Amino acid sequence: MTPEQALYEDVELMHIYFKAYNNKIEKMAWYGGLYDRLALVDVVSKIMSKDSSKTFDYPNLPLSLSDEKENVKTEQDKEIEFRQAMLSVY
């Protein structure tokens, strides 16, 4: 938000920017806490585990919520798969 927008625009616009900034900060804090938790689980699992093959490994790549969304099939995709399966039977 520019200073001109803060001074001369609608107050609601400032509230929208403020909420968006708070959401961004909360999301960053949540991810920071998640990475801290994963690090602790990694260390504790390596200390407490008797079998090294069952330990938890800290992720090598950054976590992403968008990966989960890509794996979810839409109703249209499910319907197309069903129709193709039915056609392959006949």
PDB file of N, CA and C in Angstrom:
ATOM      1  N   MET A   1       0.856  -1.165   0.000  1.00  0.00           N
ATOM      2  CA  MET A   1       0.000   0.000   0.000  1.00  0.00           C
ATOM      3  C   MET A   1       0.900   1.224   0.000  1.00  0.00           C
ATOM      4  N   THR A   2       0.636   2.115  -0.913  1.00  0.00           N
ATOM      5  CA  THR A   2       1.431   3.338  -0.991  1.00  0.00           C
ATOM      6  C   THR A   2       0.941   4.339   0.049  1.00  0.00           C
ATOM      7  N   PRO A   3       1.770   5.318   0.407  1.00  0.00           N
ATOM      8  CA  PRO A   3       1.325   6.342   1.362  1.00  0.00           C
ATOM      9  C   PRO A   3       0.113   7.130   0.864  1.00  0.00           C
ATOM     10  N   GLU A   4       0.033   7.360  -0.440  1.00  0.00           N
ATOM     11  CA  GLU A   4      -1.119   8.079  -0.993  1.00  0.00           C
ATOM     12  C   GLU A   4      -2.405   7.282  -0.800  1.00  0.00           C
ATOM     13  N   GLN A   5      -2.317   5.974  -1.010  1.00  0.00           N
ATOM     14  CA  GLN A   5      -3.490   5.138  -0.796  1.00  0.00           C
ATOM     15  C   GLN A   5      -3.894   5.140   0.674  1.00  0.00           C
ATOM     16  N   ALA A   6      -2.921   5.133   1.564  1.00  0.00           N
ATOM     17  CA  ALA A   6      -3.232   5.133   2.994  1.00  0.00           C
ATOM     18  C   ALA A   6      -3.893   6.438   3.420  1.00  0.00           C
ATOM     19  N   LEU A   7      -3.506   7.543   2.799  1.00  0.00           N
ATOM     20  CA  LEU A   7      -4.055   8.836   3.199  1.00  0.00           C
ATOM     21  C   LEU A   7      -5.384   9.158   2.529  1.00  0.00           C
ATOM     22  N   TYR A   8      -5.499   8.829   1.245  1.00  0.00           N
ATOM     23  CA  TYR A   8      -6.635   9.331   0.493  1.00  0.00           C
ATOM     24  C   TYR A   8      -7.676   8.287   0.104  1.00  0.00           C
ATOM     25  N   GLU A   9      -7.369   7.025   0.237  1.00  0.00           N
ATOM     26  CA  GLU A   9      -8.320   5.992  -0.162  1.00  0.00           C
ATOM     27  C   GLU A   9      -9.258   5.642   0.990  1.00  0.00           C
ATOM     28  N   ASP A  10     -10.143   4.698   0.704  1.00  0.00           N
ATOM     29  CA  ASP A  10     -11.135   4.257   1.674  1.00  0.00           C
ATOM     30  C   ASP A  10     -10.456   3.522   2.832  1.00  0.00           C
ATOM     31  N   VAL A  11     -11.015   3.649   4.012  1.00  0.00           N
ATOM     32  CA  VAL A  11     -10.465   3.000   5.199  1.00  0.00           C
ATOM     33  C   VAL A  11     -10.581   1.482   5.071  1.00  0.00           C
ATOM     34  N   GLU A  12     -11.596   1.005   4.394  1.00  0.00           N
ATOM     35  CA  GLU A  12     -11.772  -0.439   4.201  1.00  0.00           C
ATOM     36  C   GLU A  12     -10.598  -1.046   3.447  1.00  0.00           C
ATOM     37  N   LEU A  13     -10.033  -0.302   2.507  1.00  0.00           N
ATOM     38  CA  LEU A  13      -8.877  -0.789   1.763  1.00  0.00           C
ATOM     39  C   LEU A  13      -7.695  -1.024   2.703  1.00  0.00           C
ATOM     40  N   MET A  14      -7.527  -0.129   3.660  1.00  0.00           N
ATOM     41  CA  MET A  14      -6.448  -0.281   4.633  1.00  0.00           C
ATOM     42  C   MET A  14      -6.678  -1.527   5.493  1.00  0.00           C
ATOM     43  N   HIS A  15      -7.913  -1.781   5.870  1.00  0.00           N
ATOM     44  CA  HIS A  15      -8.227  -2.977   6.655  1.00  0.00           C
ATOM     45  C   HIS A  15      -7.945  -4.246   5.854  1.00  0.00           C
ATOM     46  N   ILE A  16      -8.229  -4.215   4.565  1.00  0.00           N
ATOM     47  CA  ILE A  16      -7.972  -5.377   3.710  1.00  0.00           C
ATOM     48  C   ILE A  16      -6.480  -5.655   3.623  1.00  0.00           C
ATOM     49  N   TYR A  17      -5.680  -4.610   3.423  1.00  0.00           N
ATOM     50  CA  TYR A  17      -4.234  -4.771   3.379  1.00  0.00           C
ATOM     51  C   TYR A  17      -3.703  -5.278   4.725  1.00  0.00           C
ATOM     52  N   PHE A  18      -4.251  -4.771   5.815  1.00  0.00           N
ATOM     53  CA  PHE A  18      -3.825  -5.175   7.146  1.00  0.00           C
ATOM     54  C   PHE A  18      -4.132  -6.651   7.389  1.00  0.00           C
ATOM     55  N   LYS A  19      -5.322  -7.096   6.999  1.00  0.00           N
ATOM     56  CA  LYS A  19      -5.678  -8.507   7.163  1.00  0.00           C
ATOM     57  C   LYS A  19      -4.789  -9.404   6.313  1.00  0.00           C
ATOM     58  N   ALA A  20      -4.508  -8.983   5.080  1.00  0.00           N
ATOM     59  CA  ALA A  20      -3.651  -9.777   4.200  1.00  0.00           C
ATOM     60  C   ALA A  20      -2.242  -9.884   4.780  1.00  0.00           C
ATOM     61  N   TYR A  21      -1.731  -8.788   5.333  1.00  0.00           N
ATOM     62  CA  TYR A  21      -0.400  -8.816   5.936  1.00  0.00           C
ATOM     63  C   TYR A  21      -0.375  -9.732   7.160  1.00  0.00           C
ATOM     64  N   ASN A  22      -1.410  -9.658   7.990  1.00  0.00           N
ATOM     65  CA  ASN A  22      -1.478 -10.527   9.171  1.00  0.00           C
ATOM     66  C   ASN A  22      -1.564 -11.996   8.771  1.00  0.00           C
ATOM     67  N   ASN A  23      -2.332 -12.298   7.723  1.00  0.00           N
ATOM     68  CA  ASN A  23      -2.429 -13.677   7.246  1.00  0.00           C
ATOM     69  C   ASN A  23      -1.074 -14.184   6.758  1.00  0.00           C
ATOM     70  N   LYS A  24      -0.329 -13.316   6.081  1.00  0.00           N
ATOM     71  CA  LYS A  24       0.990 -13.694   5.590  1.00  0.00           C
ATOM     72  C   LYS A  24       1.933 -13.978   6.763  1.00  0.00           C
ATOM     73  N   ILE A  25       1.908 -13.135   7.779  1.00  0.00           N
ATOM     74  CA  ILE A  25       2.769 -13.317   8.952  1.00  0.00           C
ATOM     75  C   ILE A  25       2.385 -14.602   9.705  1.00  0.00           C
ATOM     76  N   GLU A  26       1.079 -14.848   9.856  1.00  0.00           N
ATOM     77  CA  GLU A  26       0.630 -16.053  10.548  1.00  0.00           C
ATOM     78  C   GLU A  26       1.035 -17.316   9.780  1.00  0.00           C
ATOM     79  N   LYS A  27       0.943 -17.268   8.463  1.00  0.00           N
ATOM     80  CA  LYS A  27       1.326 -18.416   7.650  1.00  0.00           C
ATOM     81  C   LYS A  27       2.822 -18.677   7.773  1.00  0.00           C
ATOM     82  N   MET A  28       3.635 -17.620   7.765  1.00  0.00           N
ATOM     83  CA  MET A  28       5.080 -17.785   7.903  1.00  0.00           C
ATOM     84  C   MET A  28       5.418 -18.363   9.284  1.00  0.00           C
ATOM     85  N   ALA A  29       4.734 -17.910  10.322  1.00  0.00           N
ATOM     86  CA  ALA A  29       4.968 -18.421  11.669  1.00  0.00           C
ATOM     87  C   ALA A  29       4.549 -19.885  11.763  1.00  0.00           C
ATOM     88  N   TRP A  30       3.436 -20.231  11.114  1.00  0.00           N
ATOM     89  CA  TRP A  30       2.971 -21.611  11.132  1.00  0.00           C
ATOM     90  C   TRP A  30       3.991 -22.523  10.452  1.00  0.00           C
ATOM     91  N   TYR A  31       4.499 -22.108   9.286  1.00  0.00           N
ATOM     92  CA  TYR A  31       5.514 -22.898   8.598  1.00  0.00           C
ATOM     93  C   TYR A  31       6.782 -23.007   9.435  1.00  0.00           C
ATOM     94  N   GLY A  32       7.180 -21.919  10.091  1.00  0.00           N
ATOM     95  CA  GLY A  32       8.361 -21.966  10.953  1.00  0.00           C
ATOM     96  C   GLY A  32       8.180 -22.967  12.074  1.00  0.00           C
ATOM     97  N   GLY A  33       7.009 -22.970  12.692  1.00  0.00           N
ATOM     98  CA  GLY A  33       6.722 -23.939  13.747  1.00  0.00           C
ATOM     99  C   GLY A  33       6.686 -25.355  13.227  1.00  0.00           C
ATOM    100  N   LEU A  34       6.168 -25.530  12.030  1.00  0.00           N
ATOM    101  CA  LEU A  34       6.113 -26.861  11.436  1.00  0.00           C
ATOM    102  C   LEU A  34       7.512 -27.402  11.166  1.00  0.00           C
ATOM    103  N   TYR A  35       8.399 -26.554  10.630  1.00  0.00           N
ATOM    104  CA  TYR A  35       9.774 -26.981  10.380  1.00  0.00           C
ATOM    105  C   TYR A  35      10.496 -27.291  11.694  1.00  0.00           C
ATOM    106  N   ASP A  36      10.244 -26.499  12.735  1.00  0.00           N
ATOM    107  CA  ASP A  36      10.842 -26.781  14.045  1.00  0.00           C
ATOM    108  C   ASP A  36      10.358 -28.128  14.571  1.00  0.00           C
ATOM    109  N   ARG A  37       9.067 -28.397  14.431  1.00  0.00           N
ATOM    110  CA  ARG A  37       8.510 -29.662  14.899  1.00  0.00           C
ATOM    111  C   ARG A  37       9.111 -30.836  14.139  1.00  0.00           C
ATOM    112  N   LEU A  38       9.243 -30.699  12.818  1.00  0.00           N
ATOM    113  CA  LEU A  38       9.827 -31.777  12.024  1.00  0.00           C
ATOM    114  C   LEU A  38      11.282 -32.029  12.422  1.00  0.00           C
ATOM    115  N   ALA A  39      12.013 -30.969  12.738  1.00  0.00           N
ATOM    116  CA  ALA A  39      13.402 -31.137  13.172  1.00  0.00           C
ATOM    117  C   ALA A  39      13.460 -31.882  14.505  1.00  0.00           C
ATOM    118  N   LEU A  40      12.580 -31.532  15.427  1.00  0.00           N
ATOM    119  CA  LEU A  40      12.555 -32.216  16.719  1.00  0.00           C
ATOM    120  C   LEU A  40      12.172 -33.688  16.574  1.00  0.00           C
ATOM    121  N   VAL A  41      11.186 -33.961  15.733  1.00  0.00           N
ATOM    122  CA  VAL A  41      10.765 -35.352  15.508  1.00  0.00           C
ATOM    123  C   VAL A  41      11.909 -36.145  14.890  1.00  0.00           C
ATOM    124  N   ASP A  42      12.650 -35.525  13.992  1.00  0.00           N
ATOM    125  CA  ASP A  42      13.787 -36.184  13.367  1.00  0.00           C
ATOM    126  C   ASP A  42      14.832 -36.572  14.411  1.00  0.00           C
ATOM    127  N   VAL A  43      15.189 -35.638  15.280  1.00  0.00           N
ATOM    128  CA  VAL A  43      16.215 -35.896  16.293  1.00  0.00           C
ATOM    129  C   VAL A  43      15.741 -36.944  17.298  1.00  0.00           C
ATOM    130  N   VAL A  44      14.530 -36.787  17.792  1.00  0.00           N
ATOM    131  CA  VAL A  44      14.024 -37.720  18.803  1.00  0.00           C
ATOM    132  C   VAL A  44      13.868 -39.122  18.227  1.00  0.00           C
ATOM    133  N   SER A  45      13.424 -39.231  16.985  1.00  0.00           N
ATOM    134  CA  SER A  45      13.249 -40.559  16.395  1.00  0.00           C
ATOM    135  C   SER A  45      14.595 -41.250  16.201  1.00  0.00           C
ATOM    136  N   LYS A  46      15.639 -40.493  15.895  1.00  0.00           N
ATOM    137  CA  LYS A  46      16.958 -41.097  15.731  1.00  0.00           C
ATOM    138  C   LYS A  46      17.554 -41.503  17.077  1.00  0.00           C
ATOM    139  N   ILE A  47      17.244 -40.753  18.135  1.00  0.00           N
ATOM    140  CA  ILE A  47      17.759 -41.085  19.464  1.00  0.00           C
ATOM    141  C   ILE A  47      17.018 -42.288  20.046  1.00  0.00           C
ATOM    142  N   MET A  48      15.697 -42.305  19.929  1.00  0.00           N
ATOM    143  CA  MET A  48      14.875 -43.311  20.608  1.00  0.00           C
ATOM    144  C   MET A  48      14.721 -44.619  19.832  1.00  0.00           C
ATOM    145  N   SER A  49      14.941 -44.591  18.539  1.00  0.00           N
ATOM    146  CA  SER A  49      14.683 -45.784  17.728  1.00  0.00           C
ATOM    147  C   SER A  49      15.818 -46.797  17.864  1.00  0.00           C
ATOM    148  N   LYS A  50      15.435 -48.063  18.008  1.00  0.00           N
ATOM    149  CA  LYS A  50      16.418 -49.141  18.051  1.00  0.00           C
ATOM    150  C   LYS A  50      16.753 -49.621  16.643  1.00  0.00           C
ATOM    151  N   ASP A  51      15.815 -49.433  15.730  1.00  0.00           N
ATOM    152  CA  ASP A  51      15.998 -49.841  14.344  1.00  0.00           C
ATOM    153  C   ASP A  51      16.165 -48.578  13.504  1.00  0.00           C
ATOM    154  N   SER A  52      17.311 -48.425  12.858  1.00  0.00           N
ATOM    155  CA  SER A  52      17.585 -47.192  12.116  1.00  0.00           C
ATOM    156  C   SER A  52      16.731 -47.054  10.859  1.00  0.00           C
ATOM    157  N   SER A  53      16.116 -48.139  10.394  1.00  0.00           N
ATOM    158  CA  SER A  53      15.287 -48.050   9.189  1.00  0.00           C
ATOM    159  C   SER A  53      13.915 -47.443   9.473  1.00  0.00           C
ATOM    160  N   LYS A  54      13.518 -47.369  10.755  1.00  0.00           N
ATOM    161  CA  LYS A  54      12.207 -46.834  11.098  1.00  0.00           C
ATOM    162  C   LYS A  54      12.263 -45.400  11.601  1.00  0.00           C
ATOM    163  N   THR A  55      13.356 -44.717  11.382  1.00  0.00           N
ATOM    164  CA  THR A  55      13.465 -43.345  11.860  1.00  0.00           C
ATOM    165  C   THR A  55      12.820 -42.391  10.874  1.00  0.00           C
ATOM    166  N   PHE A  56      12.438 -41.231  11.391  1.00  0.00           N
ATOM    167  CA  PHE A  56      11.848 -40.173  10.573  1.00  0.00           C
ATOM    168  C   PHE A  56      12.977 -39.341   9.987  1.00  0.00           C
ATOM    169  N   ASP A  57      12.887 -39.006   8.723  1.00  0.00           N
ATOM    170  CA  ASP A  57      13.894 -38.163   8.084  1.00  0.00           C
ATOM    171  C   ASP A  57      13.327 -36.778   7.816  1.00  0.00           C
ATOM    172  N   TYR A  58      14.120 -35.785   8.126  1.00  0.00           N
ATOM    173  CA  TYR A  58      13.731 -34.397   7.865  1.00  0.00           C
ATOM    174  C   TYR A  58      13.579 -34.214   6.357  1.00  0.00           C
ATOM    175  N   PRO A  59      12.547 -33.503   5.899  1.00  0.00           N
ATOM    176  CA  PRO A  59      12.331 -33.379   4.451  1.00  0.00           C
ATOM    177  C   PRO A  59      13.488 -32.653   3.752  1.00  0.00           C
ATOM    178  N   ASN A  60      13.863 -33.159   2.595  1.00  0.00           N
ATOM    179  CA  ASN A  60      14.935 -32.547   1.812  1.00  0.00           C
ATOM    180  C   ASN A  60      14.447 -31.349   1.015  1.00  0.00           C
ATOM    181  N   LEU A  61      13.184 -31.357   0.642  1.00  0.00           N
ATOM    182  CA  LEU A  61      12.605 -30.279  -0.155  1.00  0.00           C
ATOM    183  C   LEU A  61      11.649 -29.458   0.689  1.00  0.00           C
ATOM    184  N   PRO A  62      11.427 -28.210   0.321  1.00  0.00           N
ATOM    185  CA  PRO A  62      10.462 -27.394   1.071  1.00  0.00           C
ATOM    186  C   PRO A  62       9.062 -27.987   0.996  1.00  0.00           C
ATOM    187  N   LEU A  63       8.317 -27.814   2.060  1.00  0.00           N
ATOM    188  CA  LEU A  63       6.942 -28.292   2.095  1.00  0.00           C
ATOM    189  C   LEU A  63       6.070 -27.380   1.256  1.00  0.00           C
ATOM    190  N   SER A  64       5.062 -27.951   0.636  1.00  0.00           N
ATOM    191  CA  SER A  64       4.167 -27.173  -0.200  1.00  0.00           C
ATOM    192  C   SER A  64       2.758 -27.712  -0.064  1.00  0.00           C
ATOM    193  N   LEU A  65       1.808 -26.808   0.107  1.00  0.00           N
ATOM    194  CA  LEU A  65       0.411 -27.211   0.161  1.00  0.00           C
ATOM    195  C   LEU A  65      -0.172 -27.399  -1.231  1.00  0.00           C
ATOM    196  N   SER A  66       0.472 -26.825  -2.237  1.00  0.00           N
ATOM    197  CA  SER A  66      -0.063 -26.934  -3.591  1.00  0.00           C
ATOM    198  C   SER A  66       0.073 -28.350  -4.133  1.00  0.00           C
ATOM    199  N   ASP A  67       1.030 -29.141  -3.632  1.00  0.00           N
ATOM    200  CA  ASP A  67       1.173 -30.522  -4.093  1.00  0.00           C
ATOM    201  C   ASP A  67      -0.062 -31.344  -3.755  1.00  0.00           C
ATOM    202  N   GLU A  68      -0.647 -31.102  -2.585  1.00  0.00           N
ATOM    203  CA  GLU A  68      -1.835 -31.839  -2.184  1.00  0.00           C
ATOM    204  C   GLU A  68      -3.017 -31.495  -3.088  1.00  0.00           C
ATOM    205  N   LYS A  69      -3.112 -30.261  -3.506  1.00  0.00           N
ATOM    206  CA  LYS A  69      -4.223 -29.850  -4.346  1.00  0.00           C
ATOM    207  C   LYS A  69      -4.133 -30.478  -5.729  1.00  0.00           C
ATOM    208  N   GLU A  70      -2.913 -30.712  -6.224  1.00  0.00           N
ATOM    209  CA  GLU A  70      -2.759 -31.305  -7.544  1.00  0.00           C
ATOM    210  C   GLU A  70      -3.167 -32.768  -7.551  1.00  0.00           C
ATOM    211  N   ASN A  71      -3.008 -33.459  -6.425  1.00  0.00           N
ATOM    212  CA  ASN A  71      -3.329 -34.877  -6.356  1.00  0.00           C
ATOM    213  C   ASN A  71      -4.826 -35.143  -6.229  1.00  0.00           C
ATOM    214  N   VAL A  72      -5.598 -34.148  -5.853  1.00  0.00           N
ATOM    215  CA  VAL A  72      -7.033 -34.322  -5.677  1.00  0.00           C
ATOM    216  C   VAL A  72      -7.701 -34.299  -7.049  1.00  0.00           C
ATOM    217  N   LYS A  73      -8.462 -35.355  -7.328  1.00  0.00           N
ATOM    218  CA  LYS A  73      -9.138 -35.434  -8.616  1.00  0.00           C
ATOM    219  C   LYS A  73     -10.484 -34.739  -8.532  1.00  0.00           C
ATOM    220  N   THR A  74     -10.849 -34.058  -9.598  1.00  0.00           N
ATOM    221  CA  THR A  74     -12.144 -33.401  -9.646  1.00  0.00           C
ATOM    222  C   THR A  74     -13.205 -34.430 -10.003  1.00  0.00           C
ATOM    223  N   GLU A  75     -14.437 -34.064  -9.806  1.00  0.00           N
ATOM    224  CA  GLU A  75     -15.544 -34.959 -10.146  1.00  0.00           C
ATOM    225  C   GLU A  75     -15.556 -35.270 -11.634  1.00  0.00           C
ATOM    226  N   GLN A  76     -15.194 -34.291 -12.448  1.00  0.00           N
ATOM    227  CA  GLN A  76     -15.183 -34.503 -13.890  1.00  0.00           C
ATOM    228  C   GLN A  76     -14.103 -35.531 -14.270  1.00  0.00           C
ATOM    229  N   ASP A  77     -12.923 -35.462 -13.628  1.00  0.00           N
ATOM    230  CA  ASP A  77     -11.864 -36.437 -13.902  1.00  0.00           C
ATOM    231  C   ASP A  77     -12.299 -37.843 -13.505  1.00  0.00           C
ATOM    232  N   LYS A  78     -12.985 -37.945 -12.360  1.00  0.00           N
ATOM    233  CA  LYS A  78     -13.475 -39.250 -11.910  1.00  0.00           C
ATOM    234  C   LYS A  78     -14.502 -39.812 -12.891  1.00  0.00           C
ATOM    235  N   GLU A  79     -15.369 -38.951 -13.397  1.00  0.00           N
ATOM    236  CA  GLU A  79     -16.390 -39.392 -14.342  1.00  0.00           C
ATOM    237  C   GLU A  79     -15.756 -39.855 -15.652  1.00  0.00           C
ATOM    238  N   ILE A  80     -14.752 -39.146 -16.118  1.00  0.00           N
ATOM    239  CA  ILE A  80     -14.061 -39.534 -17.352  1.00  0.00           C
ATOM    240  C   ILE A  80     -13.391 -40.890 -17.175  1.00  0.00           C
ATOM    241  N   GLU A  81     -12.733 -41.106 -16.036  1.00  0.00           N
ATOM    242  CA  GLU A  81     -12.101 -42.403 -15.782  1.00  0.00           C
ATOM    243  C   GLU A  81     -13.130 -43.526 -15.732  1.00  0.00           C
ATOM    244  N   PHE A  82     -14.269 -43.252 -15.110  1.00  0.00           N
ATOM    245  CA  PHE A  82     -15.326 -44.261 -15.025  1.00  0.00           C
ATOM    246  C   PHE A  82     -15.848 -44.615 -16.414  1.00  0.00           C
ATOM    247  N   ARG A  83     -16.077 -43.604 -17.234  1.00  0.00           N
ATOM    248  CA  ARG A  83     -16.591 -43.865 -18.587  1.00  0.00           C
ATOM    249  C   ARG A  83     -15.576 -44.637 -19.424  1.00  0.00           C
ATOM    250  N   GLN A  84     -14.296 -44.316 -19.291  1.00  0.00           N
ATOM    251  CA  GLN A  84     -13.276 -45.032 -20.049  1.00  0.00           C
ATOM    252  C   GLN A  84     -13.186 -46.489 -19.580  1.00  0.00           C
ATOM    253  N   ALA A  85     -13.334 -46.698 -18.279  1.00  0.00           N
ATOM    254  CA  ALA A  85     -13.310 -48.068 -17.760  1.00  0.00           C
ATOM    255  C   ALA A  85     -14.506 -48.862 -18.283  1.00  0.00           C
ATOM    256  N   MET A  86     -15.675 -48.227 -18.331  1.00  0.00           N
ATOM    257  CA  MET A  86     -16.871 -48.901 -18.821  1.00  0.00           C
ATOM    258  C   MET A  86     -16.752 -49.203 -20.307  1.00  0.00           C
ATOM    259  N   LEU A  87     -16.163 -48.289 -21.078  1.00  0.00           N
ATOM    260  CA  LEU A  87     -15.998 -48.524 -22.510  1.00  0.00           C
ATOM    261  C   LEU A  87     -14.987 -49.630 -22.784  1.00  0.00           C
ATOM    262  N   SER A  88     -13.995 -49.754 -21.927  1.00  0.00           N
ATOM    263  CA  SER A  88     -12.992 -50.805 -22.152  1.00  0.00           C
ATOM    264  C   SER A  88     -13.552 -52.193 -21.876  1.00  0.00           C
ATOM    265  N   VAL A  89     -14.629 -52.276 -21.094  1.00  0.00           N
ATOM    266  CA  VAL A  89     -15.251 -53.563 -20.800  1.00  0.00           C
ATOM    267  C   VAL A  89     -15.989 -54.088 -22.024  1.00  0.00           C
ATOM    268  N   TYR A  90     -16.631 -53.189 -22.765  1.00  0.00           N
ATOM    269  CA  TYR A  90     -17.428 -53.603 -23.920  1.00  0.00           C
ATOM    270  C   TYR A  90     -16.610 -53.728 -25.137  1.00  0.00           C
TER     271      TYR A  90
END
